[in-house]
Every structure is written in C-alpha cells, then in structure tokens.
C-alpha cells in the first residue's frame, strides 16, 4: 500500500510539474488524429453524437422501447453508453501511447509514464462534452439537475484511475508484443456486451447477477445511473465500492510495477 501511495503521489507531482506539456501533447494528439480532415477535431464530438442519435431513433422511435424502472429508455441507455465510451477510448488509445510517441522514449529527462495520461486527457475532453449533453437530455425530458449529479465527478475519477492502471500495463507490454493492442480491442468488445449497458441486470436469474458485478465497468456504469436516475450515493453500496477500489488499487500497482520494470528496455525495442 505504501508503494502504491508513493507511486500516486509521485504521479500527481509529475502531472502538476508537467501540466503545460501534457496539455500541449493533448492538443498535438487531437491534431494528429484528425489531420487532413476539413472538420478537424470536431470529428471527436460528431461521431459519438451521431451514434447516440442512431440509437435514439432505433430504440425510441423505431422499436418504441419500454421504460426501464419507469424511466425513459434512451436516458437509461446513454447513462451507460457515455461512461463506456470514455473508458474504452481511454484504454484503447493509451495502449498504443508509448509506440506512437517513441521519439520521446529515448529522452532520459522525460517521464514516459505520463504518455498514457495524454490519451486519457484527450478522451476526458470529449467526455466532458458528453456529460453536458447528458445533463441537457435529462433537462429536456423534464429531469432537472440534482445534488446527486455531483457524484459524477467521483465516478469520473474512478474511471481515470482504472484506465490508467490498465493502460500502464498494456502500453508497456505492447512495446514488446504488438498483438496486445488487438487483444485489448477484443476484450473491450466482450466487455461492452458483458456490461449491462443495453440490457438490465435484472434480466438475469438472481443467482447469476453477482457474477456481473465482478466486472469493474458495472460499478462505473451503474454509478452514472445512480447519480442521474436512481439518486443513490456510492457509499450506500459499500461492499461494491470496496471491491472496486481494491481491484483498481491492485491494477494500478501491477501496471505501475510492470511499466517501471520494462521501461529501461523500451529504447532497445522501438
């Protein structure tokens, strides 16, 4: 636990010390990703928006989906989709962060551990936009903001910690085994359908529901719904919260340890 504390404290210190550089790298990441397109970085917001509009038309207009727990299905759906968009984009893009910035790896003074954070910040900028869209959708449907909405900040922090721990591990391994990136993408596809985003957990027999709760994405998706729909605080689910943070702490420690051990060999491979 003390090692994890030292890692996190050192990371926070490095983020503060390199905050301008991290923001410059984030802008550079946006520009490179959408270089050559007429709309530029607007595509980062347009593509997910169109996806949500398609789902709204299909499920709300086409299939006329019934409410979930007396709540409009489209609002219940986007509460699960938006955090998943951020989590999956953060992990998938951060997995390739070291390879994409190989020119920085050979600089001794640069903390390579910060590279996955650049990708997470890029995804965070887009996610903040969608949080605003989410709150606007709730207001349009007649559900004004409440004090429970502030809890989104907590779950956002939880997602950042989880994605950072995973990306430290995957970005380090990808340097040596390029297939890791493809494997991560495949796992995320399974994770999408294995997380109750489109479907309600109560659809499963009660004796099997606890298995889905081992998925950390369940805690995050349900956390958004608790903040916006069910109006429940995270400490009301003490056991699930304790499990999530124990798992996240373990993932961050393993990820940071592997990254530190493999870091001296990056320059020899890239």
Protein backbone atom coordinates (compact mmCIF):
# COMPACT_ATOMS: atom_id res chain seq x y z
CA UNK A 1 0.00 0.00 0.00
CA UNK A 2 2.87 2.38 0.78
CA UNK A 3 4.42 1.71 -2.62
CA UNK A 4 1.11 2.50 -4.29
CA UNK A 5 0.87 5.71 -2.26
CA UNK A 6 4.38 6.73 -3.35
CA UNK A 7 3.56 5.96 -6.97
CA UNK A 8 0.37 8.00 -6.91
CA UNK A 9 1.99 10.89 -5.03
CA UNK A 10 4.87 10.96 -7.49
CA UNK A 11 2.45 10.79 -10.40
CA UNK A 12 0.38 13.71 -9.13
CA UNK A 13 3.56 15.71 -8.58
CA UNK A 14 4.74 14.98 -12.14
CA UNK A 15 1.35 15.89 -13.61
CA UNK A 16 1.40 19.25 -11.86
CA UNK A 17 5.02 19.90 -12.86
CA UNK A 18 4.35 18.95 -16.50
CA UNK A 19 0.79 20.26 -16.81
CA UNK A 20 1.61 22.65 -19.68
CA UNK A 21 3.48 19.98 -21.57
CA UNK A 22 0.65 17.47 -21.05
CA UNK A 23 -1.87 19.95 -22.44
CA UNK A 24 0.37 20.65 -25.45
CA UNK A 25 0.70 16.91 -26.04
CA UNK A 26 -3.08 16.55 -25.79
CA UNK A 27 -3.64 19.23 -28.43
CA UNK A 28 -1.00 17.57 -30.59
CA UNK A 29 -2.77 14.24 -30.20
CA UNK A 30 -6.06 15.79 -31.35
CA UNK A 31 -4.42 17.42 -34.35
CA UNK A 32 -2.60 14.27 -35.44
CA UNK A 33 -5.69 12.10 -35.07
CA UNK A 34 -7.81 14.29 -37.34
CA UNK A 35 -5.07 15.77 -39.53
CA UNK A 36 -6.20 16.36 -43.10
CA UNK A 37 -9.96 16.34 -42.46
CA UNK A 38 -11.96 19.50 -43.06
CA UNK A 39 -13.77 19.38 -39.71
CA UNK A 40 -10.62 18.51 -37.75
CA UNK A 41 -11.12 17.74 -34.06
CA UNK A 42 -14.88 18.26 -34.41
CA UNK A 43 -14.99 14.64 -35.56
CA UNK A 44 -14.16 13.63 -31.99
CA UNK A 45 -17.56 15.00 -30.97
CA UNK A 46 -19.54 14.34 -34.15
CA UNK A 47 -19.02 10.57 -34.36
CA UNK A 48 -20.29 9.69 -30.85
CA UNK A 49 -23.14 12.19 -31.22
CA UNK A 50 -24.32 10.50 -34.41
CA UNK A 51 -24.05 7.13 -32.68
CA UNK A 52 -26.34 8.30 -29.88
CA UNK A 53 -28.81 9.79 -32.38
CA UNK A 54 -28.95 6.48 -34.24
CA UNK A 55 -29.63 4.60 -31.02
CA UNK A 56 -32.28 7.14 -30.05
CA UNK A 57 -34.06 6.74 -33.41
CA UNK A 58 -33.80 2.93 -33.41
CA UNK A 59 -34.87 2.27 -29.83
CA UNK A 60 -37.08 5.25 -29.04
CA UNK A 61 -38.77 5.85 -32.40
CA UNK A 62 -38.43 2.51 -34.18
CA UNK A 63 -38.76 -0.16 -31.51
CA UNK A 64 -40.52 2.20 -29.07
CA UNK A 65 -38.60 0.63 -26.20
CA UNK A 66 -40.44 0.48 -22.93
CA UNK A 67 -39.17 2.50 -19.94
CA UNK A 68 -36.71 0.91 -17.53
CA UNK A 69 -37.81 1.27 -13.92
CA UNK A 70 -40.37 3.86 -15.10
CA UNK A 71 -37.59 5.89 -16.70
CA UNK A 72 -37.23 6.74 -20.44
CA UNK A 73 -35.13 4.02 -22.06
CA UNK A 74 -32.97 6.44 -24.05
CA UNK A 75 -31.85 8.24 -20.89
CA UNK A 76 -31.17 4.93 -19.16
CA UNK A 77 -29.17 3.82 -22.20
CA UNK A 78 -26.95 6.89 -22.59
CA UNK A 79 -26.15 6.82 -18.86
CA UNK A 80 -24.41 3.54 -19.60
CA UNK A 81 -23.02 4.36 -23.03
CA UNK A 82 -21.24 7.63 -22.22
CA UNK A 83 -19.01 6.28 -19.42
CA UNK A 84 -18.27 3.21 -21.53
CA UNK A 85 -17.23 5.43 -24.45
CA UNK A 86 -14.74 7.18 -22.19
CA UNK A 87 -13.42 4.03 -20.52
CA UNK A 88 -12.92 2.08 -23.76
CA UNK A 89 -11.44 5.03 -25.66
CA UNK A 90 -9.01 5.77 -22.83
CA UNK A 91 -7.76 2.20 -22.56
CA UNK A 92 -7.60 1.52 -26.29
CA UNK A 93 -5.77 4.72 -27.23
CA UNK A 94 -3.46 4.68 -24.18
CA UNK A 95 -2.40 1.12 -25.02
CA UNK A 96 -0.56 2.45 -28.08
CA UNK A 97 0.66 5.66 -26.45
CA UNK A 98 4.29 4.58 -25.96
CA UNK A 99 4.65 3.27 -29.51
CA UNK A 100 3.10 6.38 -31.04
CA UNK A 101 5.46 8.66 -29.08
CA UNK A 102 8.61 6.59 -29.47
CA UNK A 103 10.66 9.74 -30.14
CA UNK A 104 10.09 10.78 -26.50
CA UNK A 105 11.01 7.42 -25.04
CA UNK A 106 14.72 7.94 -25.71
CA UNK A 107 14.74 11.23 -23.81
CA UNK A 108 16.07 10.46 -20.35
CA UNK A 109 14.53 13.55 -18.73
CA UNK A 110 11.02 12.68 -19.90
CA UNK A 111 8.72 10.62 -17.70
CA UNK A 112 7.33 8.07 -20.14
CA UNK A 113 4.72 7.10 -17.54
CA UNK A 114 2.89 10.29 -18.50
CA UNK A 115 2.24 9.21 -22.10
CA UNK A 116 -0.90 7.16 -21.31
CA UNK A 117 -2.21 10.16 -19.37
CA UNK A 118 -2.12 12.25 -22.56
CA UNK A 119 -4.52 9.82 -24.22
CA UNK A 120 -6.75 9.75 -21.15
CA UNK A 121 -6.90 13.55 -21.10
CA UNK A 122 -7.84 13.54 -24.79
CA UNK A 123 -10.71 11.16 -24.07
CA UNK A 124 -11.64 13.21 -21.00
CA UNK A 125 -12.09 16.39 -23.05
CA UNK A 126 -14.59 14.62 -25.28
CA UNK A 127 -16.29 13.00 -22.30
CA UNK A 128 -16.82 16.36 -20.58
CA UNK A 129 -18.72 17.47 -23.67
CA UNK A 130 -20.94 14.41 -23.45
CA UNK A 131 -21.59 14.93 -19.76
CA UNK A 132 -23.02 18.32 -20.75
CA UNK A 133 -25.09 16.62 -23.47
CA UNK A 134 -26.28 14.05 -20.93
CA UNK A 135 -27.44 16.71 -18.47
CA UNK A 136 -29.14 18.60 -21.30
CA UNK A 137 -31.02 15.46 -22.39
CA UNK A 138 -32.24 14.92 -18.83
CA UNK A 139 -33.40 18.55 -18.64
CA UNK A 140 -35.25 18.23 -21.96
CA UNK A 141 -37.08 15.15 -20.65
CA UNK A 142 -38.07 17.07 -17.53
CA UNK A 143 -35.41 15.89 -15.07
CA UNK A 144 -33.51 18.95 -13.79
CA UNK A 145 -30.06 18.66 -12.15
CA UNK A 146 -29.88 17.46 -8.55
CA UNK A 147 -27.17 17.29 -5.93
CA UNK A 148 -26.67 13.62 -6.84
CA UNK A 149 -25.29 14.72 -10.21
CA UNK A 150 -22.13 15.95 -8.46
CA UNK A 151 -21.32 12.31 -7.82
CA UNK A 152 -20.35 12.01 -11.50
CA UNK A 153 -17.05 13.67 -10.54
CA UNK A 154 -16.31 10.77 -8.20
CA UNK A 155 -17.09 8.13 -10.83
CA UNK A 156 -15.07 10.07 -13.39
CA UNK A 157 -12.07 9.95 -11.06
CA UNK A 158 -12.67 6.22 -10.56
CA UNK A 159 -12.65 5.65 -14.34
CA UNK A 160 -9.42 7.60 -14.74
CA UNK A 161 -7.68 5.52 -12.06
CA UNK A 162 -8.85 2.22 -13.54
CA UNK A 163 -7.98 3.13 -17.12
CA UNK A 164 -4.58 4.48 -16.07
CA UNK A 165 -3.67 1.29 -14.23
CA UNK A 166 -4.74 -0.88 -17.17
CA UNK A 167 -3.00 1.32 -19.75
CA UNK A 168 0.29 1.32 -17.83
CA UNK A 169 0.28 -2.46 -18.15
CA UNK A 170 -0.95 -2.72 -21.73
CA UNK A 171 1.16 0.15 -23.12
CA UNK A 172 4.32 -1.40 -21.66
CA UNK A 173 3.52 -4.87 -23.00
CA UNK A 174 2.58 -3.53 -26.44
CA UNK A 175 6.14 -2.29 -26.95
CA UNK A 176 7.34 -5.90 -26.92
CA UNK A 177 4.23 -7.72 -28.18
CA UNK A 178 2.28 -5.66 -30.73
CA UNK A 179 -0.60 -8.13 -30.63
CA UNK A 180 -1.54 -6.80 -27.18
CA UNK A 181 -3.33 -3.86 -28.80
CA UNK A 182 -5.54 -6.19 -30.85
CA UNK A 183 -6.18 -8.34 -27.79
CA UNK A 184 -7.26 -5.29 -25.77
CA UNK A 185 -9.70 -4.28 -28.51
CA UNK A 186 -11.20 -7.77 -28.48
CA UNK A 187 -11.53 -7.76 -24.68
CA UNK A 188 -13.29 -4.39 -24.83
CA UNK A 189 -15.80 -5.78 -27.32
CA UNK A 190 -16.62 -8.62 -24.94
CA UNK A 191 -16.71 -6.12 -22.08
CA UNK A 192 -19.26 -3.95 -23.88
CA UNK A 193 -21.79 -6.75 -24.16
CA UNK A 194 -20.84 -8.19 -20.78
CA UNK A 195 -21.69 -4.90 -19.08
CA UNK A 196 -25.39 -4.03 -18.57
CA UNK A 197 -25.41 -1.07 -20.95
CA UNK A 198 -28.14 -2.16 -23.37
CA UNK A 199 -29.77 -4.60 -21.01
CA UNK A 200 -30.85 -4.60 -17.37
CA UNK A 201 -29.04 -6.78 -14.85
CA UNK A 202 -32.40 -7.93 -13.53
CA UNK A 203 -32.95 -9.80 -16.79
CA UNK A 204 -30.53 -12.44 -15.47
CA UNK A 205 -31.56 -15.02 -12.85
CA UNK A 206 -30.83 -13.65 -9.40
CA UNK A 207 -28.27 -16.36 -8.60
CA UNK A 208 -26.11 -15.22 -11.54
CA UNK A 209 -26.35 -11.45 -11.08
CA UNK A 210 -23.42 -11.29 -8.66
CA UNK A 211 -21.07 -12.59 -11.39
CA UNK A 212 -21.60 -9.46 -13.48
CA UNK A 213 -20.75 -7.29 -10.51
CA UNK A 214 -17.17 -8.56 -10.63
CA UNK A 215 -16.82 -6.53 -13.82
CA UNK A 216 -15.44 -3.11 -12.70
CA UNK A 217 -17.25 -1.44 -15.60
CA UNK A 218 -20.53 -2.44 -13.94
CA UNK A 219 -19.69 -0.26 -10.94
CA UNK A 220 -18.98 2.74 -13.19
CA UNK A 221 -22.00 2.36 -15.47
CA UNK A 222 -24.35 1.83 -12.56
CA UNK A 223 -22.65 4.74 -10.79
CA UNK A 224 -23.74 7.12 -13.53
CA UNK A 225 -27.26 5.75 -13.31
CA UNK A 226 -27.26 6.09 -9.54
CA UNK A 227 -26.15 9.71 -9.91
CA UNK A 228 -28.70 10.64 -12.56
CA UNK A 229 -31.61 8.21 -12.29
CA UNK A 230 -31.80 6.29 -9.03
CA UNK A 231 -30.40 9.09 -6.85
CA UNK A 232 -28.24 6.91 -4.64
CA UNK A 233 -24.86 7.71 -3.10
CA UNK A 234 -21.88 5.49 -3.76
CA UNK A 235 -21.37 4.78 -0.05
CA UNK A 236 -24.80 3.16 0.02
CA UNK A 237 -23.14 0.33 -1.92
CA UNK A 238 -20.24 -0.14 0.46
CA UNK A 239 -19.24 -3.69 -0.49
CA UNK A 240 -19.25 -2.95 -4.22
CA UNK A 241 -17.30 0.25 -3.67
CA UNK A 242 -14.72 -1.52 -1.52
CA UNK A 243 -14.32 -4.26 -4.14
CA UNK A 244 -13.91 -1.77 -6.99
CA UNK A 245 -11.21 0.25 -5.24
CA UNK A 246 -9.37 -2.85 -4.05
CA UNK A 247 -9.31 -4.12 -7.63
CA UNK A 248 -8.35 -0.72 -9.03
CA UNK A 249 -5.52 -0.34 -6.48
CA UNK A 250 -4.21 -3.77 -7.44
CA UNK A 251 -4.42 -2.95 -11.16
CA UNK A 252 -2.61 0.37 -10.66
CA UNK A 253 0.13 -1.25 -8.59
CA UNK A 254 0.67 -4.09 -11.09
CA UNK A 255 0.54 -1.70 -14.04
CA UNK A 256 2.98 0.75 -12.48
CA UNK A 257 5.34 -2.06 -11.41
CA UNK A 258 5.39 -3.65 -14.88
CA UNK A 259 5.89 -0.28 -16.56
CA UNK A 260 8.80 0.55 -14.26
CA UNK A 261 10.44 -2.84 -14.86
CA UNK A 262 10.07 -2.73 -18.65
CA UNK A 263 10.79 0.99 -19.11
CA UNK A 264 14.63 0.64 -19.37
CA UNK A 265 14.20 -1.72 -22.36
CA UNK A 266 11.80 0.44 -24.39
CA UNK A 267 14.52 2.27 -26.33
CA UNK A 268 16.13 -1.02 -27.40
CA UNK A 269 12.91 -2.26 -29.00
CA UNK A 270 11.44 0.91 -30.50
